[in-house]
Each structure stands twice: as C-alpha cells, then as structure tokens.
C-alpha cells in the first residue's frame, strides 16, 4: 500500500507482451531519477475488455517524466520513461525487469491506410449545466471503407496527459514493429496499434473507446493534481534485468 495526496480532484469516470531476442544485462539500466520524493501528476483508472471478452482494470499514473501502468498496488507494472523513450516491465514473481528501448522503425504495412473520420456530438457522457449542450464528441474511424475504431472525447481538456499518452502509444507501436508478423483479418488492429497509433488520438483525450476487433476501454475515474511518492517510478532492488536489443 502507499499513500497518495490529492490536492484537487476532478472525477469523471496492459499487460503488454513483447516477443523477440533478449539478453541478460551485464550492466543495469534505470529510469530517469526524479528530483523530489514527491511527484505531481494525474491518475487514470480504466476498465478494459479484450477481444476474448476478458475484463480487467488498468491504472495509469502520468507525470512529466515517467508513466506507470499497472493493475493496482503490489503487482507487476510497466514504467515508460518519456526522456529515455524506454519501457521497464517489472515482473514481481520472476523478480526481473525487461528493458525495451523504443526507436523509430520504418516499417510499412502491406495494406492501405486510407482513413476516413465521421464525427458527431455525443449526448451520452456529460452536458453543460448552463445550456444543456453536450461537452463530448463521438468520432468513428473508418479504415479502407470499413468501420474500425470509435472514441468519445471530452472537448479541450487533459491536454498534458494526452501528450504523454500519445508518446507512450508511439513507443509501443515502434516496439511492436520490431517483431511484426502479419495475420489475416486484423488490419484494423494492426493499423491502430502499430501503423497509425496516433490517428485516433488527434481529436482530444478519449474517455471511451471501442473497436471492430472486440477491444473496449472506458475511463472510470480521472484525478488531477495528485502527489505521488517517487518510489512508484523506480525499480525494485535486487531484480535481474533483461535487455531487449
């Protein structure tokens, strides 16, 4: 357990697996060292459903230098160092850390990326108390004339967090490109996760997402101006490291 100090709260409503060659590190790598013992940031709580209809909770702690992704205190977690552009995947049971450096990979799909977008006001999320108008927009992303991905965004909010999440998605896409193998009937998934990772993030911060391949996610809770202990953004002592080249 750890304590989080909330200065001002605004409520709204990943386990990633990478394959490829890896080497046990002879020298260790560490996330960027934070200057203070307390770090300001934002907390996002998601509910996710994968294509097999398995539900899970995902927590994202967003700071200026590092993102932490986990399912709650005490378990495995991933740190994304925004400065080093590096992922640190911590396995508590194995007492190990997988270190994955993200770099630009010039890989193009063997299918077209012809995107169209249809947008309309959404009345499903929240309304302005003054005039009753909706404060959210529904965007549908259509790939090669087929519906692919939908999001609902809150207009003009969470811009700093949006930038951090965009950086994280781009890093994941480049890492996935390193070991990409094409599969039939998953052009939409590959486009969203690998070849156009920022396309659905261009209209604002998504509070709800759903796809043609079964993945769904919605933002259960969002808190700004939180003070985190800096230990949440460090690696455990005594864990071995495996560096993926």
Protein backbone atom coordinates (compact mmCIF):
# COMPACT_ATOMS: atom_id res chain seq x y z
CA UNK A 1 0.00 0.00 0.00
CA UNK A 2 1.07 3.57 -0.49
CA UNK A 3 -0.37 6.96 0.22
CA UNK A 4 -1.42 9.43 -2.46
CA UNK A 5 -2.10 13.02 -1.51
CA UNK A 6 -4.89 14.61 -3.55
CA UNK A 7 -4.65 18.39 -3.72
CA UNK A 8 -7.52 18.93 -6.11
CA UNK A 9 -9.63 16.17 -7.57
CA UNK A 10 -11.65 16.13 -10.78
CA UNK A 11 -13.66 12.90 -11.16
CA UNK A 12 -15.01 11.68 -14.48
CA UNK A 13 -15.49 8.47 -14.81
CA UNK A 14 -1.91 -3.67 -20.06
CA UNK A 15 -0.33 -6.11 -19.55
CA UNK A 16 1.75 -5.95 -22.73
CA UNK A 17 3.62 -8.90 -24.02
CA UNK A 18 6.61 -8.40 -26.30
CA UNK A 19 8.46 -11.18 -28.08
CA UNK A 20 11.92 -11.22 -29.56
CA UNK A 21 15.53 -11.75 -28.64
CA UNK A 22 16.63 -10.61 -25.20
CA UNK A 23 19.92 -10.53 -23.37
CA UNK A 24 20.55 -10.69 -19.64
CA UNK A 25 22.07 -7.35 -18.76
CA UNK A 26 25.68 -7.15 -17.62
CA UNK A 27 25.07 -3.51 -16.70
CA UNK A 28 21.76 -2.30 -15.36
CA UNK A 29 19.57 0.49 -16.68
CA UNK A 30 17.35 2.71 -14.58
CA UNK A 31 14.50 5.12 -15.26
CA UNK A 32 15.25 8.81 -15.07
CA UNK A 33 15.90 9.73 -11.45
CA UNK A 34 13.25 12.10 -10.13
CA UNK A 35 14.43 15.14 -8.22
CA UNK A 36 11.98 15.00 -5.32
CA UNK A 37 10.48 12.36 -3.08
CA UNK A 38 7.01 13.58 -4.09
CA UNK A 39 5.94 13.91 -7.72
CA UNK A 40 2.88 15.75 -9.08
CA UNK A 41 0.81 14.06 -11.75
CA UNK A 42 -2.52 12.62 -12.85
CA UNK A 43 -4.22 9.28 -12.16
CA UNK A 44 -6.33 7.48 -14.76
CA UNK A 45 -8.40 4.40 -13.94
CA UNK A 46 -9.65 2.33 -16.87
CA UNK A 47 -11.92 -0.65 -17.35
CA UNK A 48 -10.83 -2.73 -20.33
CA UNK A 49 -12.35 -5.65 -22.21
CA UNK A 50 -10.18 -7.57 -24.67
CA UNK A 51 -11.23 -9.38 -27.84
CA UNK A 52 -11.87 -12.56 -25.80
CA UNK A 53 -14.30 -10.64 -23.56
CA UNK A 54 -11.96 -10.73 -20.56
CA UNK A 55 -12.39 -7.70 -18.32
CA UNK A 56 -9.60 -6.01 -16.37
CA UNK A 57 -8.81 -2.81 -14.53
CA UNK A 58 -5.84 -0.73 -15.63
CA UNK A 59 -4.30 2.17 -13.80
CA UNK A 60 -2.10 4.82 -15.41
CA UNK A 61 -0.04 7.28 -13.37
CA UNK A 62 1.11 10.17 -15.54
CA UNK A 63 3.93 12.54 -14.60
CA UNK A 64 6.15 14.95 -16.51
CA UNK A 65 8.96 12.41 -16.92
CA UNK A 66 7.54 8.90 -16.39
CA UNK A 67 4.29 6.95 -16.87
CA UNK A 68 3.43 3.96 -14.72
CA UNK A 69 0.90 1.36 -15.93
CA UNK A 70 -0.38 -1.33 -13.58
CA UNK A 71 -3.47 -3.12 -12.29
CA UNK A 72 -3.11 -1.69 -8.78
CA UNK A 73 -0.58 -1.77 -5.94
CA UNK A 74 1.61 -4.80 -5.33
CA UNK A 75 1.64 -6.50 -8.72
CA UNK A 76 3.51 -6.28 -12.00
CA UNK A 77 3.92 -2.87 -13.55
CA UNK A 78 5.41 -1.05 -16.52
CA UNK A 79 7.30 2.24 -16.44
CA UNK A 80 7.62 4.31 -19.59
CA UNK A 81 10.47 6.79 -19.31
CA UNK A 82 9.47 9.73 -21.50
CA UNK A 83 13.01 11.14 -21.51
CA UNK A 84 14.86 7.91 -22.40
CA UNK A 85 11.96 6.58 -24.53
CA UNK A 86 12.38 3.26 -22.76
CA UNK A 87 9.98 0.73 -21.21
CA UNK A 88 10.78 -1.08 -17.98
CA UNK A 89 8.46 -4.09 -17.49
CA UNK A 90 8.64 -5.33 -13.91
CA UNK A 91 7.67 -8.94 -13.11
CA UNK A 92 7.25 -9.38 -9.38
CA UNK A 93 7.00 -13.18 -9.46
CA UNK A 94 10.11 -13.57 -11.61
CA UNK A 95 11.95 -10.77 -9.82
CA UNK A 96 13.01 -9.44 -13.19
CA UNK A 97 12.84 -6.29 -15.30
CA UNK A 98 12.56 -6.37 -19.07
CA UNK A 99 14.11 -3.23 -20.59
CA UNK A 100 12.93 -2.24 -24.08
CA UNK A 101 14.27 0.81 -25.87
CA UNK A 102 11.92 2.42 -28.37
CA UNK A 103 13.32 3.86 -31.58
CA UNK A 104 11.76 4.80 -34.90
CA UNK A 105 11.18 1.77 -37.13
CA UNK A 106 10.48 2.40 -40.82
CA UNK A 107 8.05 -0.43 -41.45
CA UNK A 108 5.06 -0.03 -43.75
CA UNK A 109 2.02 -2.34 -43.80
CA UNK A 110 1.19 -4.45 -46.83
CA UNK A 111 -2.32 -2.98 -46.83
CA UNK A 112 -3.58 0.54 -47.49
CA UNK A 113 -4.08 3.06 -44.70
CA UNK A 114 -6.96 5.02 -46.16
CA UNK A 115 -8.61 6.66 -43.16
CA UNK A 116 -11.91 8.50 -43.02
CA UNK A 117 -13.43 10.05 -39.91
CA UNK A 118 -17.05 10.76 -39.07
CA UNK A 119 -17.77 12.94 -36.04
CA UNK A 120 -20.92 13.97 -34.23
CA UNK A 121 -21.89 15.46 -30.91
CA UNK A 122 -22.25 12.87 -28.16
CA UNK A 123 -25.02 13.20 -25.58
CA UNK A 124 -24.08 10.06 -23.69
CA UNK A 125 -21.41 11.42 -21.37
CA UNK A 126 -21.95 14.83 -19.88
CA UNK A 127 -23.82 18.06 -20.51
CA UNK A 128 -23.11 21.68 -19.85
CA UNK A 129 -25.25 22.75 -16.92
CA UNK A 130 -25.85 26.20 -18.41
CA UNK A 131 -27.38 25.29 -21.75
CA UNK A 132 -27.74 21.51 -21.68
CA UNK A 133 -25.43 21.03 -24.65
CA UNK A 134 -23.15 18.03 -24.78
CA UNK A 135 -19.49 18.53 -23.95
CA UNK A 136 -18.29 15.45 -25.78
CA UNK A 137 -17.82 14.26 -29.36
CA UNK A 138 -18.12 10.78 -30.87
CA UNK A 139 -15.58 10.03 -33.62
CA UNK A 140 -15.68 6.94 -35.82
CA UNK A 141 -12.52 5.99 -37.71
CA UNK A 142 -13.11 4.10 -40.94
CA UNK A 143 -10.24 2.15 -42.49
CA UNK A 144 -10.45 1.24 -46.18
CA UNK A 145 -14.23 1.80 -46.16
CA UNK A 146 -14.79 -0.41 -43.08
CA UNK A 147 -15.67 0.78 -39.57
CA UNK A 148 -12.61 0.23 -37.41
CA UNK A 149 -12.46 2.27 -34.20
CA UNK A 150 -14.72 4.58 -32.19
CA UNK A 151 -13.91 7.03 -29.45
CA UNK A 152 -15.72 9.62 -27.36
CA UNK A 153 -13.66 12.65 -26.39
CA UNK A 154 -14.19 15.46 -23.93
CA UNK A 155 -13.53 18.64 -25.82
CA UNK A 156 -10.43 20.65 -24.94
CA UNK A 157 -9.34 19.00 -21.67
CA UNK A 158 -6.44 16.91 -20.31
CA UNK A 159 -4.03 18.15 -22.98
CA UNK A 160 -0.86 17.47 -20.96
CA UNK A 161 -1.97 13.92 -20.22
CA UNK A 162 -2.97 13.43 -23.86
CA UNK A 163 0.56 14.32 -24.97
CA UNK A 164 2.09 11.83 -22.53
CA UNK A 165 -0.24 9.02 -23.61
CA UNK A 166 0.48 9.77 -27.28
CA UNK A 167 4.21 9.39 -26.61
CA UNK A 168 3.58 6.06 -24.89
CA UNK A 169 1.41 4.71 -27.72
CA UNK A 170 4.01 5.74 -30.31
CA UNK A 171 6.74 3.97 -28.34
CA UNK A 172 4.63 0.80 -28.12
CA UNK A 173 3.97 0.92 -31.86
CA UNK A 174 7.69 1.13 -32.67
CA UNK A 175 8.44 -1.76 -30.31
CA UNK A 176 5.72 -3.89 -31.91
CA UNK A 177 7.13 -3.14 -35.36
CA UNK A 178 10.39 -4.83 -34.38
CA UNK A 179 8.70 -8.25 -34.31
CA UNK A 180 5.70 -7.68 -36.54
CA UNK A 181 4.17 -10.67 -38.28
CA UNK A 182 1.16 -10.07 -40.47
CA UNK A 183 -2.01 -12.01 -39.67
CA UNK A 184 -5.18 -12.34 -41.66
CA UNK A 185 -8.26 -10.30 -40.76
CA UNK A 186 -6.60 -7.91 -38.36
CA UNK A 187 -5.85 -4.88 -40.50
CA UNK A 188 -7.81 -2.61 -38.16
CA UNK A 189 -6.00 -3.84 -35.05
CA UNK A 190 -2.59 -3.56 -36.71
CA UNK A 191 -3.38 -0.08 -38.00
CA UNK A 192 -4.47 1.19 -34.59
CA UNK A 193 -1.74 -0.46 -32.53
CA UNK A 194 1.20 -0.34 -34.95
CA UNK A 195 0.93 1.69 -38.13
CA UNK A 196 -1.37 4.59 -37.17
CA UNK A 197 -1.09 4.70 -33.38
CA UNK A 198 -1.89 8.41 -33.10
CA UNK A 199 -4.66 8.61 -35.67
CA UNK A 200 -7.42 8.10 -33.10
CA UNK A 201 -5.75 10.48 -30.63
CA UNK A 202 -5.84 13.58 -32.83
CA UNK A 203 -9.24 14.90 -31.71
CA UNK A 204 -8.68 15.03 -27.96
CA UNK A 205 -8.48 12.81 -24.93
CA UNK A 206 -10.54 9.59 -25.31
CA UNK A 207 -12.78 8.76 -22.37
CA UNK A 208 -14.36 5.80 -24.14
CA UNK A 209 -13.04 3.56 -26.92
CA UNK A 210 -14.34 0.50 -28.75
CA UNK A 211 -13.17 -1.39 -31.81
CA UNK A 212 -14.32 -3.71 -34.56
CA UNK A 213 -11.97 -6.40 -33.18
CA UNK A 214 -13.58 -6.53 -29.73
CA UNK A 215 -11.34 -4.32 -27.63
CA UNK A 216 -13.14 -1.81 -25.39
CA UNK A 217 -11.93 0.68 -22.82
CA UNK A 218 -13.55 3.42 -20.81
CA UNK A 219 -12.26 5.87 -18.29
CA UNK A 220 -13.76 5.08 -14.89
CA UNK A 221 -12.00 7.78 -12.88
CA UNK A 222 -9.65 10.65 -13.56
CA UNK A 223 -7.81 12.68 -10.92
CA UNK A 224 -5.54 15.65 -11.47
CA UNK A 225 -3.04 17.40 -9.21
CA UNK A 226 -2.15 14.28 -7.26
CA UNK A 227 1.09 13.93 -5.33
CA UNK A 228 2.72 10.51 -5.84
CA UNK A 229 5.66 9.09 -3.89
CA UNK A 230 8.64 8.94 -6.26
CA UNK A 231 9.24 5.29 -5.31
CA UNK A 232 6.33 4.37 -7.61
CA UNK A 233 8.52 5.36 -10.55
CA UNK A 234 11.60 3.37 -9.64
CA UNK A 235 12.67 -0.27 -9.99
CA UNK A 236 12.76 -2.79 -7.12
CA UNK A 237 16.13 -3.57 -5.60
CA UNK A 238 17.70 -6.92 -6.43
CA UNK A 239 15.71 -7.67 -9.60
CA UNK A 240 17.63 -9.02 -12.59
CA UNK A 241 17.39 -7.16 -15.88
CA UNK A 242 16.83 -8.49 -19.38
CA UNK A 243 17.58 -6.00 -22.13
CA UNK A 244 15.83 -6.46 -25.46
CA UNK A 245 18.10 -5.17 -28.25
